[in-house]
Amino acid sequence: VVPEAGGMYCLNALTGDSRWFEPRVARVLAVSPNRVYAADKLGRTLLLDRTNGAMVGRLETSQLDVPITNSVTDRLVLGSSGGLVQCLRETAAAQLARSR
């Protein structure tokens, strides 16, 4: 959950209890089995561990100024207003489609 004020909460789906909080997140971009990909307020892409919210990496993507949330698969999609579109995946990851 990303509240309007920013930050991201990971909640237990059964109880609603907070599992972890990452204050730098402004927007979720994609979720894979092991990672959460999110944008911060400066447009950088944060790579978070899905189980505990620890930041495991960061990509300098502020030049890619069209944030795209992918709620269908686990792929990270980045774009620019100049027409560049990039689709990234974790190494050796099979595409996972989420049911709606």
PDB file of N, CA and C in Angstrom:
ATOM      1  N   VAL A   1       0.852  -1.167   0.000  1.00  0.00           N
ATOM      2  CA  VAL A   1       0.000   0.000   0.000  1.00  0.00           C
ATOM      3  C   VAL A   1       0.899   1.231   0.000  1.00  0.00           C
ATOM      4  N   VAL A   2       0.615   2.162  -0.937  1.00  0.00           N
ATOM      5  CA  VAL A   2       1.360   3.422  -0.997  1.00  0.00           C
ATOM      6  C   VAL A   2       0.384   4.554  -0.695  1.00  0.00           C
ATOM      7  N   PRO A   3       0.443   5.123   0.522  1.00  0.00           N
ATOM      8  CA  PRO A   3      -0.457   6.219   0.865  1.00  0.00           C
ATOM      9  C   PRO A   3      -0.108   7.484   0.081  1.00  0.00           C
ATOM     10  N   GLU A   4      -1.044   8.400   0.004  1.00  0.00           N
ATOM     11  CA  GLU A   4      -0.858   9.644  -0.732  1.00  0.00           C
ATOM     12  C   GLU A   4       0.364  10.427  -0.244  1.00  0.00           C
ATOM     13  N   ALA A   5       0.662  10.357   1.032  1.00  0.00           N
ATOM     14  CA  ALA A   5       1.804  11.073   1.607  1.00  0.00           C
ATOM     15  C   ALA A   5       3.142  10.433   1.256  1.00  0.00           C
ATOM     16  N   GLY A   6       3.118   9.227   0.682  1.00  0.00           N
ATOM     17  CA  GLY A   6       4.345   8.545   0.292  1.00  0.00           C
ATOM     18  C   GLY A   6       4.719   7.435   1.246  1.00  0.00           C
ATOM     19  N   GLY A   7       5.756   6.723   0.886  1.00  0.00           N
ATOM     20  CA  GLY A   7       6.160   5.543   1.637  1.00  0.00           C
ATOM     21  C   GLY A   7       5.334   4.353   1.190  1.00  0.00           C
ATOM     22  N   MET A   8       5.791   3.166   1.524  1.00  0.00           N
ATOM     23  CA  MET A   8       5.080   1.950   1.127  1.00  0.00           C
ATOM     24  C   MET A   8       5.004   0.991   2.305  1.00  0.00           C
ATOM     25  N   TYR A   9       3.806   0.525   2.563  1.00  0.00           N
ATOM     26  CA  TYR A   9       3.565  -0.489   3.588  1.00  0.00           C
ATOM     27  C   TYR A   9       3.324  -1.827   2.922  1.00  0.00           C
ATOM     28  N   CYS A  10       3.945  -2.867   3.442  1.00  0.00           N
ATOM     29  CA  CYS A  10       3.611  -4.234   3.056  1.00  0.00           C
ATOM     30  C   CYS A  10       2.740  -4.780   4.183  1.00  0.00           C
ATOM     31  N   LEU A  11       1.528  -5.194   3.836  1.00  0.00           N
ATOM     32  CA  LEU A  11       0.578  -5.659   4.842  1.00  0.00           C
ATOM     33  C   LEU A  11       0.340  -7.156   4.728  1.00  0.00           C
ATOM     34  N   ASN A  12       0.074  -7.790   5.842  1.00  0.00           N
ATOM     35  CA  ASN A  12      -0.347  -9.182   5.855  1.00  0.00           C
ATOM     36  C   ASN A  12      -1.763  -9.230   5.291  1.00  0.00           C
ATOM     37  N   ALA A  13      -1.977  -9.999   4.241  1.00  0.00           N
ATOM     38  CA  ALA A  13      -3.280 -10.037   3.571  1.00  0.00           C
ATOM     39  C   ALA A  13      -4.387 -10.601   4.451  1.00  0.00           C
ATOM     40  N   LEU A  14      -4.057 -11.443   5.405  1.00  0.00           N
ATOM     41  CA  LEU A  14      -5.078 -12.048   6.264  1.00  0.00           C
ATOM     42  C   LEU A  14      -5.440 -11.176   7.463  1.00  0.00           C
ATOM     43  N   THR A  15      -4.431 -10.541   8.066  1.00  0.00           N
ATOM     44  CA  THR A  15      -4.682  -9.798   9.304  1.00  0.00           C
ATOM     45  C   THR A  15      -4.674  -8.277   9.122  1.00  0.00           C
ATOM     46  N   GLY A  16      -4.049  -7.788   8.043  1.00  0.00           N
ATOM     47  CA  GLY A  16      -3.915  -6.353   7.850  1.00  0.00           C
ATOM     48  C   GLY A  16      -2.758  -5.746   8.622  1.00  0.00           C
ATOM     49  N   ASP A  17      -2.029  -6.579   9.368  1.00  0.00           N
ATOM     50  CA  ASP A  17      -0.879  -6.090  10.130  1.00  0.00           C
ATOM     51  C   ASP A  17       0.235  -5.672   9.183  1.00  0.00           C
ATOM     52  N   SER A  18       0.976  -4.641   9.569  1.00  0.00           N
ATOM     53  CA  SER A  18       2.095  -4.163   8.778  1.00  0.00           C
ATOM     54  C   SER A  18       3.278  -5.121   8.918  1.00  0.00           C
ATOM     55  N   ARG A  19       3.828  -5.560   7.783  1.00  0.00           N
ATOM     56  CA  ARG A  19       5.015  -6.424   7.789  1.00  0.00           C
ATOM     57  C   ARG A  19       6.283  -5.594   7.693  1.00  0.00           C
ATOM     58  N   TRP A  20       6.257  -4.547   6.848  1.00  0.00           N
ATOM     59  CA  TRP A  20       7.387  -3.631   6.738  1.00  0.00           C
ATOM     60  C   TRP A  20       6.944  -2.330   6.098  1.00  0.00           C
ATOM     61  N   PHE A  21       7.817  -1.312   6.239  1.00  0.00           N
ATOM     62  CA  PHE A  21       7.551   0.011   5.685  1.00  0.00           C
ATOM     63  C   PHE A  21       8.827   0.544   5.046  1.00  0.00           C
ATOM     64  N   GLU A  22       8.726   1.103   3.842  1.00  0.00           N
ATOM     65  CA  GLU A  22       9.858   1.742   3.163  1.00  0.00           C
ATOM     66  C   GLU A  22       9.469   3.182   2.858  1.00  0.00           C
ATOM     67  N   PRO A  23      10.060   4.160   3.562  1.00  0.00           N
ATOM     68  CA  PRO A  23       9.630   5.554   3.432  1.00  0.00           C
ATOM     69  C   PRO A  23       9.992   6.227   2.107  1.00  0.00           C
ATOM     70  N   ARG A  24      10.963   5.696   1.353  1.00  0.00           N
ATOM     71  CA  ARG A  24      11.410   6.350   0.115  1.00  0.00           C
ATOM     72  C   ARG A  24      10.507   6.089  -1.086  1.00  0.00           C
ATOM     73  N   VAL A  25       9.585   5.145  -0.991  1.00  0.00           N
ATOM     74  CA  VAL A  25       8.752   4.769  -2.145  1.00  0.00           C
ATOM     75  C   VAL A  25       7.678   5.821  -2.412  1.00  0.00           C
ATOM     76  N   ALA A  26       7.561   6.203  -3.691  1.00  0.00           N
ATOM     77  CA  ALA A  26       6.498   7.107  -4.119  1.00  0.00           C
ATOM     78  C   ALA A  26       5.480   6.388  -4.995  1.00  0.00           C
ATOM     79  N   ARG A  27       5.900   5.271  -5.624  1.00  0.00           N
ATOM     80  CA  ARG A  27       5.023   4.567  -6.561  1.00  0.00           C
ATOM     81  C   ARG A  27       5.546   3.145  -6.768  1.00  0.00           C
ATOM     82  N   VAL A  28       4.648   2.164  -6.814  1.00  0.00           N
ATOM     83  CA  VAL A  28       5.023   0.787  -7.133  1.00  0.00           C
ATOM     84  C   VAL A  28       5.033   0.640  -8.650  1.00  0.00           C
ATOM     85  N   LEU A  29       6.088  -0.004  -9.168  1.00  0.00           N
ATOM     86  CA  LEU A  29       6.203  -0.212 -10.611  1.00  0.00           C
ATOM     87  C   LEU A  29       5.886  -1.646 -11.009  1.00  0.00           C
ATOM     88  N   ALA A  30       6.381  -2.627 -10.252  1.00  0.00           N
ATOM     89  CA  ALA A  30       6.139  -4.045 -10.557  1.00  0.00           C
ATOM     90  C   ALA A  30       6.506  -4.874  -9.336  1.00  0.00           C
ATOM     91  N   VAL A  31       6.005  -6.103  -9.313  1.00  0.00           N
ATOM     92  CA  VAL A  31       6.299  -7.029  -8.222  1.00  0.00           C
ATOM     93  C   VAL A  31       6.625  -8.385  -8.834  1.00  0.00           C
ATOM     94  N   SER A  32       7.729  -8.974  -8.386  1.00  0.00           N
ATOM     95  CA  SER A  32       8.110 -10.314  -8.818  1.00  0.00           C
ATOM     96  C   SER A  32       8.028 -11.231  -7.597  1.00  0.00           C
ATOM     97  N   PRO A  33       8.296 -12.519  -7.760  1.00  0.00           N
ATOM     98  CA  PRO A  33       8.249 -13.399  -6.587  1.00  0.00           C
ATOM     99  C   PRO A  33       9.223 -13.005  -5.472  1.00  0.00           C
ATOM    100  N   ASN A  34      10.344 -12.354  -5.836  1.00  0.00           N
ATOM    101  CA  ASN A  34      11.357 -12.024  -4.840  1.00  0.00           C
ATOM    102  C   ASN A  34      11.565 -10.540  -4.598  1.00  0.00           C
ATOM    103  N   ARG A  35      11.110  -9.691  -5.510  1.00  0.00           N
ATOM    104  CA  ARG A  35      11.404  -8.269  -5.443  1.00  0.00           C
ATOM    105  C   ARG A  35      10.166  -7.403  -5.622  1.00  0.00           C
ATOM    106  N   VAL A  36      10.248  -6.202  -5.071  1.00  0.00           N
ATOM    107  CA  VAL A  36       9.288  -5.137  -5.355  1.00  0.00           C
ATOM    108  C   VAL A  36      10.084  -4.044  -6.046  1.00  0.00           C
ATOM    109  N   TYR A  37       9.616  -3.605  -7.204  1.00  0.00           N
ATOM    110  CA  TYR A  37      10.249  -2.524  -7.951  1.00  0.00           C
ATOM    111  C   TYR A  37       9.387  -1.286  -7.747  1.00  0.00           C
ATOM    112  N   ALA A  38      10.015  -0.216  -7.266  1.00  0.00           N
ATOM    113  CA  ALA A  38       9.271   0.991  -6.926  1.00  0.00           C
ATOM    114  C   ALA A  38      10.068   2.217  -7.345  1.00  0.00           C
ATOM    115  N   ALA A  39       9.374   3.329  -7.541  1.00  0.00           N
ATOM    116  CA  ALA A  39      10.029   4.594  -7.869  1.00  0.00           C
ATOM    117  C   ALA A  39      10.048   5.463  -6.622  1.00  0.00           C
ATOM    118  N   ASP A  40      11.148   6.210  -6.457  1.00  0.00           N
ATOM    119  CA  ASP A  40      11.191   7.194  -5.381  1.00  0.00           C
ATOM    120  C   ASP A  40      10.789   8.553  -5.948  1.00  0.00           C
ATOM    121  N   LYS A  41      10.780   9.586  -5.120  1.00  0.00           N
ATOM    122  CA  LYS A  41      10.328  10.922  -5.548  1.00  0.00           C
ATOM    123  C   LYS A  41      11.246  11.557  -6.582  1.00  0.00           C
ATOM    124  N   LEU A  42      12.479  11.058  -6.712  1.00  0.00           N
ATOM    125  CA  LEU A  42      13.434  11.598  -7.675  1.00  0.00           C
ATOM    126  C   LEU A  42      13.428  10.817  -8.991  1.00  0.00           C
ATOM    127  N   GLY A  43      12.550   9.819  -9.097  1.00  0.00           N
ATOM    128  CA  GLY A  43      12.441   9.041 -10.323  1.00  0.00           C
ATOM    129  C   GLY A  43      13.392   7.867 -10.409  1.00  0.00           C
ATOM    130  N   ARG A  44      14.131   7.597  -9.350  1.00  0.00           N
ATOM    131  CA  ARG A  44      15.016   6.429  -9.345  1.00  0.00           C
ATOM    132  C   ARG A  44      14.189   5.182  -9.069  1.00  0.00           C
ATOM    133  N   THR A  45      14.648   4.049  -9.585  1.00  0.00           N
ATOM    134  CA  THR A  45      13.967   2.783  -9.346  1.00  0.00           C
ATOM    135  C   THR A  45      14.632   2.068  -8.185  1.00  0.00           C
ATOM    136  N   LEU A  46      13.839   1.739  -7.176  1.00  0.00           N
ATOM    137  CA  LEU A  46      14.323   1.025  -5.996  1.00  0.00           C
ATOM    138  C   LEU A  46      13.994  -0.450  -6.143  1.00  0.00           C
ATOM    139  N   LEU A  47      14.951  -1.314  -5.813  1.00  0.00           N
ATOM    140  CA  LEU A  47      14.745  -2.758  -5.821  1.00  0.00           C
ATOM    141  C   LEU A  47      14.687  -3.194  -4.364  1.00  0.00           C
ATOM    142  N   LEU A  48      13.521  -3.668  -3.936  1.00  0.00           N
ATOM    143  CA  LEU A  48      13.307  -4.044  -2.541  1.00  0.00           C
ATOM    144  C   LEU A  48      13.114  -5.541  -2.414  1.00  0.00           C
ATOM    145  N   ASP A  49      13.623  -6.101  -1.324  1.00  0.00           N
ATOM    146  CA  ASP A  49      13.366  -7.503  -1.012  1.00  0.00           C
ATOM    147  C   ASP A  49      11.905  -7.620  -0.617  1.00  0.00           C
ATOM    148  N   ARG A  50      11.193  -8.517  -1.242  1.00  0.00           N
ATOM    149  CA  ARG A  50       9.749  -8.628  -1.008  1.00  0.00           C
ATOM    150  C   ARG A  50       9.405  -9.099   0.405  1.00  0.00           C
ATOM    151  N   THR A  51      10.278  -9.892   1.024  1.00  0.00           N
ATOM    152  CA  THR A  51       9.949 -10.435   2.346  1.00  0.00           C
ATOM    153  C   THR A  51      10.139  -9.440   3.488  1.00  0.00           C
ATOM    154  N   ASN A  52      11.169  -8.563   3.378  1.00  0.00           N
ATOM    155  CA  ASN A  52      11.439  -7.676   4.511  1.00  0.00           C
ATOM    156  C   ASN A  52      11.553  -6.193   4.143  1.00  0.00           C
ATOM    157  N   GLY A  53      11.444  -5.850   2.861  1.00  0.00           N
ATOM    158  CA  GLY A  53      11.475  -4.466   2.426  1.00  0.00           C
ATOM    159  C   GLY A  53      12.857  -3.845   2.332  1.00  0.00           C
ATOM    160  N   ALA A  54      13.892  -4.631   2.589  1.00  0.00           N
ATOM    161  CA  ALA A  54      15.255  -4.096   2.515  1.00  0.00           C
ATOM    162  C   ALA A  54      15.595  -3.710   1.079  1.00  0.00           C
ATOM    163  N   MET A  55      16.260  -2.568   0.919  1.00  0.00           N
ATOM    164  CA  MET A  55      16.659  -2.147  -0.411  1.00  0.00           C
ATOM    165  C   MET A  55      17.875  -2.965  -0.824  1.00  0.00           C
ATOM    166  N   VAL A  56      17.749  -3.681  -1.941  1.00  0.00           N
ATOM    167  CA  VAL A  56      18.842  -4.513  -2.435  1.00  0.00           C
ATOM    168  C   VAL A  56      19.533  -3.878  -3.635  1.00  0.00           C
ATOM    169  N   GLY A  57      18.984  -2.779  -4.140  1.00  0.00           N
ATOM    170  CA  GLY A  57      19.603  -2.087  -5.251  1.00  0.00           C
ATOM    171  C   GLY A  57      18.813  -0.860  -5.640  1.00  0.00           C
ATOM    172  N   ARG A  58      19.448  -0.056  -6.512  1.00  0.00           N
ATOM    173  CA  ARG A  58      18.782   1.153  -6.994  1.00  0.00           C
ATOM    174  C   ARG A  58      19.288   1.418  -8.404  1.00  0.00           C
ATOM    175  N   LEU A  59      18.374   1.769  -9.302  1.00  0.00           N
ATOM    176  CA  LEU A  59      18.721   2.110 -10.675  1.00  0.00           C
ATOM    177  C   LEU A  59      18.501   3.600 -10.883  1.00  0.00           C
ATOM    178  N   GLU A  60      19.442   4.262 -11.525  1.00  0.00           N
ATOM    179  CA  GLU A  60      19.290   5.679 -11.843  1.00  0.00           C
ATOM    180  C   GLU A  60      18.430   5.776 -13.108  1.00  0.00           C
ATOM    181  N   THR A  61      17.146   5.970 -12.912  1.00  0.00           N
ATOM    182  CA  THR A  61      16.193   5.983 -14.028  1.00  0.00           C
ATOM    183  C   THR A  61      15.441   7.309 -14.120  1.00  0.00           C
ATOM    184  N   SER A  62      15.996   8.365 -13.531  1.00  0.00           N
ATOM    185  CA  SER A  62      15.293   9.645 -13.531  1.00  0.00           C
ATOM    186  C   SER A  62      15.131  10.216 -14.943  1.00  0.00           C
ATOM    187  N   GLN A  63      15.980   9.821 -15.903  1.00  0.00           N
ATOM    188  CA  GLN A  63      15.841  10.275 -17.289  1.00  0.00           C
ATOM    189  C   GLN A  63      14.686   9.575 -18.001  1.00  0.00           C
ATOM    190  N   LEU A  64      14.243   8.456 -17.460  1.00  0.00           N
ATOM    191  CA  LEU A  64      13.086   7.746 -18.001  1.00  0.00           C
ATOM    192  C   LEU A  64      11.861   8.307 -17.296  1.00  0.00           C
ATOM    193  N   ASP A  65      11.273   9.342 -17.888  1.00  0.00           N
ATOM    194  CA  ASP A  65      10.302  10.200 -17.216  1.00  0.00           C
ATOM    195  C   ASP A  65       8.846   9.780 -17.369  1.00  0.00           C
ATOM    196  N   VAL A  66       8.598   8.586 -17.891  1.00  0.00           N
ATOM    197  CA  VAL A  66       7.224   8.086 -18.001  1.00  0.00           C
ATOM    198  C   VAL A  66       7.124   6.833 -17.129  1.00  0.00           C
ATOM    199  N   PRO A  67       6.692   6.997 -15.874  1.00  0.00           N
ATOM    200  CA  PRO A  67       6.578   5.826 -15.002  1.00  0.00           C
ATOM    201  C   PRO A  67       5.409   4.946 -15.424  1.00  0.00           C
ATOM    202  N   ILE A  68       5.663   3.656 -15.512  1.00  0.00           N
ATOM    203  CA  ILE A  68       4.638   2.708 -15.953  1.00  0.00           C
ATOM    204  C   ILE A  68       4.480   1.654 -14.872  1.00  0.00           C
ATOM    205  N   THR A  69       3.289   1.542 -14.331  1.00  0.00           N
ATOM    206  CA  THR A  69       3.006   0.493 -13.362  1.00  0.00           C
ATOM    207  C   THR A  69       2.521  -0.735 -14.108  1.00  0.00           C
ATOM    208  N   ASN A  70       3.191  -1.859 -13.895  1.00  0.00           N
ATOM    209  CA  ASN A  70       2.820  -3.114 -14.532  1.00  0.00           C
ATOM    210  C   ASN A  70       2.125  -3.986 -13.492  1.00  0.00           C
ATOM    211  N   SER A  71       0.815  -4.034 -13.538  1.00  0.00           N
ATOM    212  CA  SER A  71       0.053  -4.852 -12.583  1.00  0.00           C
ATOM    213  C   SER A  71      -0.367  -6.186 -13.184  1.00  0.00           C
ATOM    214  N   VAL A  72       0.140  -6.500 -14.378  1.00  0.00           N
ATOM    215  CA  VAL A  72      -0.253  -7.730 -15.073  1.00  0.00           C
ATOM    216  C   VAL A  72       0.823  -8.805 -14.973  1.00  0.00           C
ATOM    217  N   THR A  73       2.100  -8.425 -15.127  1.00  0.00           N
ATOM    218  CA  THR A  73       3.191  -9.401 -15.048  1.00  0.00           C
ATOM    219  C   THR A  73       4.243  -8.903 -14.062  1.00  0.00           C
ATOM    220  N   ASP A  74       5.309  -9.689 -13.913  1.00  0.00           N
ATOM    221  CA  ASP A  74       6.394  -9.314 -13.011  1.00  0.00           C
ATOM    222  C   ASP A  74       7.487  -8.517 -13.714  1.00  0.00           C
ATOM    223  N   ARG A  75       7.252  -8.032 -14.930  1.00  0.00           N
ATOM    224  CA  ARG A  75       8.238  -7.279 -15.690  1.00  0.00           C
ATOM    225  C   ARG A  75       8.242  -5.805 -15.296  1.00  0.00           C
ATOM    226  N   LEU A  76       9.436  -5.226 -15.271  1.00  0.00           N
ATOM    227  CA  LEU A  76       9.607  -3.814 -14.999  1.00  0.00           C
ATOM    228  C   LEU A  76       9.626  -3.088 -16.336  1.00  0.00           C
ATOM    229  N   VAL A  77       8.705  -2.154 -16.551  1.00  0.00           N
ATOM    230  CA  VAL A  77       8.606  -1.416 -17.803  1.00  0.00           C
ATOM    231  C   VAL A  77       8.937   0.041 -17.524  1.00  0.00           C
ATOM    232  N   LEU A  78       9.926   0.571 -18.259  1.00  0.00           N
ATOM    233  CA  LEU A  78      10.372   1.949 -18.094  1.00  0.00           C
ATOM    234  C   LEU A  78      10.230   2.666 -19.424  1.00  0.00           C
ATOM    235  N   GLY A  79       9.846   3.935 -19.408  1.00  0.00           N
ATOM    236  CA  GLY A  79       9.664   4.665 -20.652  1.00  0.00           C
ATOM    237  C   GLY A  79      10.067   6.121 -20.530  1.00  0.00           C
ATOM    238  N   SER A  80      10.283   6.749 -21.695  1.00  0.00           N
ATOM    239  CA  SER A  80      10.622   8.169 -21.725  1.00  0.00           C
ATOM    240  C   SER A  80       9.653   8.903 -22.636  1.00  0.00           C
ATOM    241  N   SER A  81       9.530  10.202 -22.416  1.00  0.00           N
ATOM    242  CA  SER A  81       8.649  11.010 -23.256  1.00  0.00           C
ATOM    243  C   SER A  81       9.168  11.099 -24.683  1.00  0.00           C
ATOM    244  N   GLY A  82      10.434  10.728 -24.922  1.00  0.00           N
ATOM    245  CA  GLY A  82      10.997  10.688 -26.266  1.00  0.00           C
ATOM    246  C   GLY A  82      10.671   9.413 -27.027  1.00  0.00           C
ATOM    247  N   GLY A  83       9.968   8.479 -26.401  1.00  0.00           N
ATOM    248  CA  GLY A  83       9.521   7.273 -27.082  1.00  0.00           C
ATOM    249  C   GLY A  83      10.281   6.002 -26.752  1.00  0.00           C
ATOM    250  N   LEU A  84      11.288   6.075 -25.880  1.00  0.00           N
ATOM    251  CA  LEU A  84      12.029   4.885 -25.486  1.00  0.00           C
ATOM    252  C   LEU A  84      11.211   4.066 -24.493  1.00  0.00           C
ATOM    253  N   VAL A  85      11.094   2.773 -24.739  1.00  0.00           N
ATOM    254  CA  VAL A  85      10.429   1.874 -23.802  1.00  0.00           C
ATOM    255  C   VAL A  85      11.359   0.692 -23.558  1.00  0.00           C
ATOM    256  N   GLN A  86      11.591   0.375 -22.284  1.00  0.00           N
ATOM    257  CA  GLN A  86      12.431  -0.757 -21.919  1.00  0.00           C
ATOM    258  C   GLN A  86      11.635  -1.681 -21.015  1.00  0.00           C
ATOM    259  N   CYS A  87      11.788  -2.976 -21.241  1.00  0.00           N
ATOM    260  CA  CYS A  87      11.135  -3.985 -20.407  1.00  0.00           C
ATOM    261  C   CYS A  87      12.227  -4.852 -19.806  1.00  0.00           C
ATOM    262  N   LEU A  88      12.287  -4.908 -18.480  1.00  0.00           N
ATOM    263  CA  LEU A  88      13.326  -5.651 -17.778  1.00  0.00           C
ATOM    264  C   LEU A  88      12.708  -6.787 -16.982  1.00  0.00           C
ATOM    265  N   ARG A  89      13.488  -7.838 -16.823  1.00  0.00           N
ATOM    266  CA  ARG A  89      13.049  -8.966 -16.006  1.00  0.00           C
ATOM    267  C   ARG A  89      14.219  -9.471 -15.188  1.00  0.00           C
ATOM    268  N   GLU A  90      13.919 -10.210 -14.139  1.00  0.00           N
ATOM    269  CA  GLU A  90      14.977 -10.837 -13.361  1.00  0.00           C
ATOM    270  C   GLU A  90      15.595 -11.956 -14.200  1.00  0.00           C
ATOM    271  N   THR A  91      16.893 -12.144 -14.077  1.00  0.00           N
ATOM    272  CA  THR A  91      17.579 -13.184 -14.825  1.00  0.00           C
ATOM    273  C   THR A  91      16.936 -14.534 -14.581  1.00  0.00           C
ATOM    274  N   ALA A  92      16.679 -15.265 -15.659  1.00  0.00           N
ATOM    275  CA  ALA A  92      16.123 -16.624 -15.624  1.00  0.00           C
ATOM    276  C   ALA A  92      14.696 -16.690 -15.071  1.00  0.00           C
ATOM    277  N   ALA A  93      14.006 -15.557 -15.016  1.00  0.00           N
ATOM    278  CA  ALA A  93      12.625 -15.560 -14.504  1.00  0.00           C
ATOM    279  C   ALA A  93      11.662 -15.848 -15.636  1.00  0.00           C
ATOM    280  N   ALA A  94      10.808 -16.813 -15.434  1.00  0.00           N
ATOM    281  CA  ALA A  94       9.720 -17.051 -16.379  1.00  0.00           C
ATOM    282  C   ALA A  94       8.673 -15.980 -16.140  1.00  0.00           C
ATOM    283  N   GLN A  95       7.980 -15.574 -17.190  1.00  0.00           N
ATOM    284  CA  GLN A  95       6.965 -14.518 -17.026  1.00  0.00           C
ATOM    285  C   GLN A  95       5.817 -15.036 -16.185  1.00  0.00           C
ATOM    286  N   LEU A  96       5.463 -14.262 -15.185  1.00  0.00           N
ATOM    287  CA  LEU A  96       4.345 -14.606 -14.310  1.00  0.00           C
ATOM    288  C   LEU A  96       3.231 -13.612 -14.525  1.00  0.00           C
ATOM    289  N   ALA A  97       2.079 -14.077 -14.962  1.00  0.00           N
ATOM    290  CA  ALA A  97       0.917 -13.217 -15.085  1.00  0.00           C
ATOM    291  C   ALA A  97       0.095 -13.357 -13.820  1.00  0.00           C
ATOM    292  N   ARG A  98      -0.342 -12.250 -13.285  1.00  0.00           N
ATOM    293  CA  ARG A  98      -1.173 -12.278 -12.086  1.00  0.00           C
ATOM    294  C   ARG A  98      -2.631 -12.343 -12.500  1.00  0.00           C
ATOM    295  N   SER A  99      -3.395 -13.110 -11.789  1.00  0.00           N
ATOM    296  CA  SER A  99      -4.827 -13.174 -12.090  1.00  0.00           C
ATOM    297  C   SER A  99      -5.490 -11.907 -11.586  1.00  0.00           C
ATOM    298  N   ARG A 100      -6.490 -11.470 -12.289  1.00  0.00           N
ATOM    299  CA  ARG A 100      -7.188 -10.237 -11.910  1.00  0.00           C
ATOM    300  C   ARG A 100      -8.439 -10.549 -11.168  1.00  0.00           C
TER     301      ARG A 100
END
